[in-house]
Amino acid sequence: MEQKETFIGKKDELMSLITKSKLPDSEKEAWLHLLEEMLEHEIQEFIDILKNEEKNLQSLEIKYQQRINKIKSDFNEKWQDFMTKAETEIDKSQKNKVDTNEADELKKLREQLK
């Protein structure tokens, strides 16, 4: 009796894994129909395959997310550098304008004093 419950439990586990898998719906349906004809060792092999697939996909997702975070971080760093340089250039430009205006005013004062 216990062996039959284990077998039923494995079928339920396999059904759950099939439904959660990234397989196309048509393949999921085909596997679910074949499930009734599968032997216990075949069910266990398929469970192992689907669990391995899920583990590999999770691993890829983690690597992908890490790569995205690195790209975002690099971009933000470069953007901050660019903005800092741009602000410095704007400050220099404004200072040059002030210096030019002061120089023009000094010239006018000299001419008036002559």
C-alpha atoms as a PDB file:
ATOM      1  CA  MET A   1       0.000   0.000   0.000  1.00  0.00           C
ATOM      2  CA  GLU A   2       2.820   2.390   0.903  1.00  0.00           C
ATOM      3  CA  GLN A   3       4.504   1.776  -2.457  1.00  0.00           C
ATOM      4  CA  LYS A   4       1.287   2.679  -4.283  1.00  0.00           C
ATOM      5  CA  GLU A   5       0.999   5.938  -2.263  1.00  0.00           C
ATOM      6  CA  THR A   6       4.611   6.774  -3.108  1.00  0.00           C
ATOM      7  CA  PHE A   7       3.883   6.107  -6.774  1.00  0.00           C
ATOM      8  CA  ILE A   8       0.781   8.332  -6.633  1.00  0.00           C
ATOM      9  CA  GLY A   9       2.810  11.015  -4.845  1.00  0.00           C
ATOM     10  CA  LYS A  10       5.430  10.905  -7.603  1.00  0.00           C
ATOM     11  CA  LYS A  11       2.708  11.214 -10.254  1.00  0.00           C
ATOM     12  CA  ASP A  12       1.300  14.254  -8.440  1.00  0.00           C
ATOM     13  CA  GLU A  13       4.788  15.754  -8.167  1.00  0.00           C
ATOM     14  CA  LEU A  14       5.411  15.141 -11.859  1.00  0.00           C
ATOM     15  CA  MET A  15       2.059  16.685 -12.801  1.00  0.00           C
ATOM     16  CA  SER A  16       2.966  19.780 -10.778  1.00  0.00           C
ATOM     17  CA  LEU A  17       6.431  20.008 -12.359  1.00  0.00           C
ATOM     18  CA  ILE A  18       5.013  19.604 -15.863  1.00  0.00           C
ATOM     19  CA  THR A  19       2.465  22.365 -15.301  1.00  0.00           C
ATOM     20  CA  LYS A  20       5.117  24.744 -13.900  1.00  0.00           C
ATOM     21  CA  SER A  21       7.680  23.912 -16.586  1.00  0.00           C
ATOM     22  CA  LYS A  22       8.595  26.149 -19.526  1.00  0.00           C
ATOM     23  CA  LEU A  23       7.338  23.524 -21.986  1.00  0.00           C
ATOM     24  CA  PRO A  24       4.831  24.678 -24.598  1.00  0.00           C
ATOM     25  CA  ASP A  25       1.235  23.931 -23.618  1.00  0.00           C
ATOM     26  CA  SER A  26       0.856  21.285 -26.332  1.00  0.00           C
ATOM     27  CA  GLU A  27       3.859  19.364 -24.947  1.00  0.00           C
ATOM     28  CA  LYS A  28       2.562  19.713 -21.402  1.00  0.00           C
ATOM     29  CA  GLU A  29      -0.745  18.161 -22.468  1.00  0.00           C
ATOM     30  CA  ALA A  30       1.018  15.315 -24.271  1.00  0.00           C
ATOM     31  CA  TRP A  31       3.142  14.524 -21.211  1.00  0.00           C
ATOM     32  CA  LEU A  32       0.144  14.673 -18.901  1.00  0.00           C
ATOM     33  CA  HIS A  33      -1.681  12.159 -21.128  1.00  0.00           C
ATOM     34  CA  LEU A  34       1.370   9.878 -21.212  1.00  0.00           C
ATOM     35  CA  LEU A  35       1.688  10.049 -17.442  1.00  0.00           C
ATOM     36  CA  GLU A  36      -0.929   7.323 -16.969  1.00  0.00           C
ATOM     37  CA  GLU A  37       1.125   4.918 -19.092  1.00  0.00           C
ATOM     38  CA  MET A  38       4.500   5.649 -17.505  1.00  0.00           C
ATOM     39  CA  LEU A  39       6.265   3.284 -15.146  1.00  0.00           C
ATOM     40  CA  GLU A  40       7.520   4.445 -11.757  1.00  0.00           C
ATOM     41  CA  HIS A  41      11.183   4.613 -12.818  1.00  0.00           C
ATOM     42  CA  GLU A  42      10.199   6.629 -15.925  1.00  0.00           C
ATOM     43  CA  ILE A  43       8.238   9.040 -13.752  1.00  0.00           C
ATOM     44  CA  GLN A  44      11.231   9.418 -11.416  1.00  0.00           C
ATOM     45  CA  GLU A  45      13.587  10.054 -14.373  1.00  0.00           C
ATOM     46  CA  PHE A  46      11.249  12.706 -15.752  1.00  0.00           C
ATOM     47  CA  ILE A  47      10.950  14.312 -12.295  1.00  0.00           C
ATOM     48  CA  ASP A  48      14.744  14.446 -12.105  1.00  0.00           C
ATOM     49  CA  ILE A  49      14.954  15.985 -15.592  1.00  0.00           C
ATOM     50  CA  LEU A  50      12.363  18.671 -14.818  1.00  0.00           C
ATOM     51  CA  LYS A  51      13.938  19.505 -11.451  1.00  0.00           C
ATOM     52  CA  ASN A  52      17.328  19.811 -13.126  1.00  0.00           C
ATOM     53  CA  GLU A  53      15.808  22.056 -15.810  1.00  0.00           C
ATOM     54  CA  GLU A  54      14.228  24.239 -13.125  1.00  0.00           C
ATOM     55  CA  LYS A  55      17.528  24.458 -11.215  1.00  0.00           C
ATOM     56  CA  ASN A  56      19.432  25.390 -14.394  1.00  0.00           C
ATOM     57  CA  LEU A  57      16.863  28.041 -15.323  1.00  0.00           C
ATOM     58  CA  GLN A  58      17.069  29.551 -11.840  1.00  0.00           C
ATOM     59  CA  SER A  59      20.856  29.614 -12.101  1.00  0.00           C
ATOM     60  CA  LEU A  60      20.653  31.340 -15.490  1.00  0.00           C
ATOM     61  CA  GLU A  61      18.141  33.841 -14.125  1.00  0.00           C
ATOM     62  CA  ILE A  62      20.494  34.709 -11.248  1.00  0.00           C
ATOM     63  CA  LYS A  63      23.443  35.164 -13.639  1.00  0.00           C
ATOM     64  CA  TYR A  64      21.275  37.223 -16.005  1.00  0.00           C
ATOM     65  CA  GLN A  65      20.081  39.456 -13.160  1.00  0.00           C
ATOM     66  CA  GLN A  66      23.655  39.912 -11.918  1.00  0.00           C
ATOM     67  CA  ARG A  67      24.742  40.917 -15.426  1.00  0.00           C
ATOM     68  CA  ILE A  68      21.864  43.407 -15.716  1.00  0.00           C
ATOM     69  CA  ASN A  69      22.767  44.893 -12.329  1.00  0.00           C
ATOM     70  CA  LYS A  70      26.429  45.230 -13.406  1.00  0.00           C
ATOM     71  CA  ILE A  71      25.431  46.979 -16.639  1.00  0.00           C
ATOM     72  CA  LYS A  72      23.124  49.347 -14.742  1.00  0.00           C
ATOM     73  CA  SER A  73      25.833  50.068 -12.185  1.00  0.00           C
ATOM     74  CA  ASP A  74      28.432  50.774 -14.893  1.00  0.00           C
ATOM     75  CA  PHE A  75      26.000  53.028 -16.738  1.00  0.00           C
ATOM     76  CA  ASN A  76      25.102  54.958 -13.577  1.00  0.00           C
ATOM     77  CA  GLU A  77      28.780  55.417 -12.757  1.00  0.00           C
ATOM     78  CA  LYS A  78      29.558  56.725 -16.244  1.00  0.00           C
ATOM     79  CA  TRP A  79      26.464  58.942 -16.153  1.00  0.00           C
ATOM     80  CA  GLN A  80      27.554  60.465 -12.848  1.00  0.00           C
ATOM     81  CA  ASP A  81      31.042  61.102 -14.255  1.00  0.00           C
ATOM     82  CA  PHE A  82      29.521  62.752 -17.311  1.00  0.00           C
ATOM     83  CA  MET A  83      27.199  64.926 -15.210  1.00  0.00           C
ATOM     84  CA  THR A  84      30.059  65.975 -12.917  1.00  0.00           C
ATOM     85  CA  LYS A  85      32.188  66.985 -15.919  1.00  0.00           C
ATOM     86  CA  ALA A  86      29.256  68.798 -17.500  1.00  0.00           C
ATOM     87  CA  GLU A  87      28.587  70.742 -14.279  1.00  0.00           C
ATOM     88  CA  THR A  88      32.279  71.641 -14.040  1.00  0.00           C
ATOM     89  CA  GLU A  89      32.242  72.912 -17.617  1.00  0.00           C
ATOM     90  CA  ILE A  90      29.084  74.933 -16.955  1.00  0.00           C
ATOM     91  CA  ASP A  91      30.689  76.442 -13.841  1.00  0.00           C
ATOM     92  CA  LYS A  92      33.826  77.338 -15.830  1.00  0.00           C
ATOM     93  CA  SER A  93      31.723  78.859 -18.593  1.00  0.00           C
ATOM     94  CA  GLN A  94      29.749  80.972 -16.126  1.00  0.00           C
ATOM     95  CA  LYS A  95      32.949  82.092 -14.383  1.00  0.00           C
ATOM     96  CA  ASN A  96      34.422  83.090 -17.756  1.00  0.00           C
ATOM     97  CA  LYS A  97      31.288  85.115 -18.496  1.00  0.00           C
ATOM     98  CA  VAL A  98      31.610  86.896 -15.156  1.00  0.00           C
ATOM     99  CA  ASP A  99      35.323  87.532 -15.772  1.00  0.00           C
ATOM    100  CA  THR A 100      34.534  88.845 -19.277  1.00  0.00           C
ATOM    101  CA  ASN A 101      31.789  91.110 -17.940  1.00  0.00           C
ATOM    102  CA  GLU A 102      34.109  92.443 -15.226  1.00  0.00           C
ATOM    103  CA  ALA A 103      36.836  93.076 -17.788  1.00  0.00           C
ATOM    104  CA  ASP A 104      34.375  94.964 -20.007  1.00  0.00           C
ATOM    105  CA  GLU A 105      33.250  97.087 -17.054  1.00  0.00           C
ATOM    106  CA  LEU A 106      36.866  97.873 -16.150  1.00  0.00           C
ATOM    107  CA  LYS A 107      37.556  98.966 -19.735  1.00  0.00           C
ATOM    108  CA  LYS A 108      34.529 101.259 -19.637  1.00  0.00           C
ATOM    109  CA  LEU A 109      35.655 102.755 -16.337  1.00  0.00           C
ATOM    110  CA  ARG A 110      39.158 103.406 -17.715  1.00  0.00           C
ATOM    111  CA  GLU A 111      37.709 105.118 -20.767  1.00  0.00           C
ATOM    112  CA  GLN A 112      35.495 107.265 -18.567  1.00  0.00           C
ATOM    113  CA  LEU A 113      38.453 108.234 -16.426  1.00  0.00           C
ATOM    114  CA  LYS A 114      40.495 109.424 -19.394  1.00  0.00           C
END
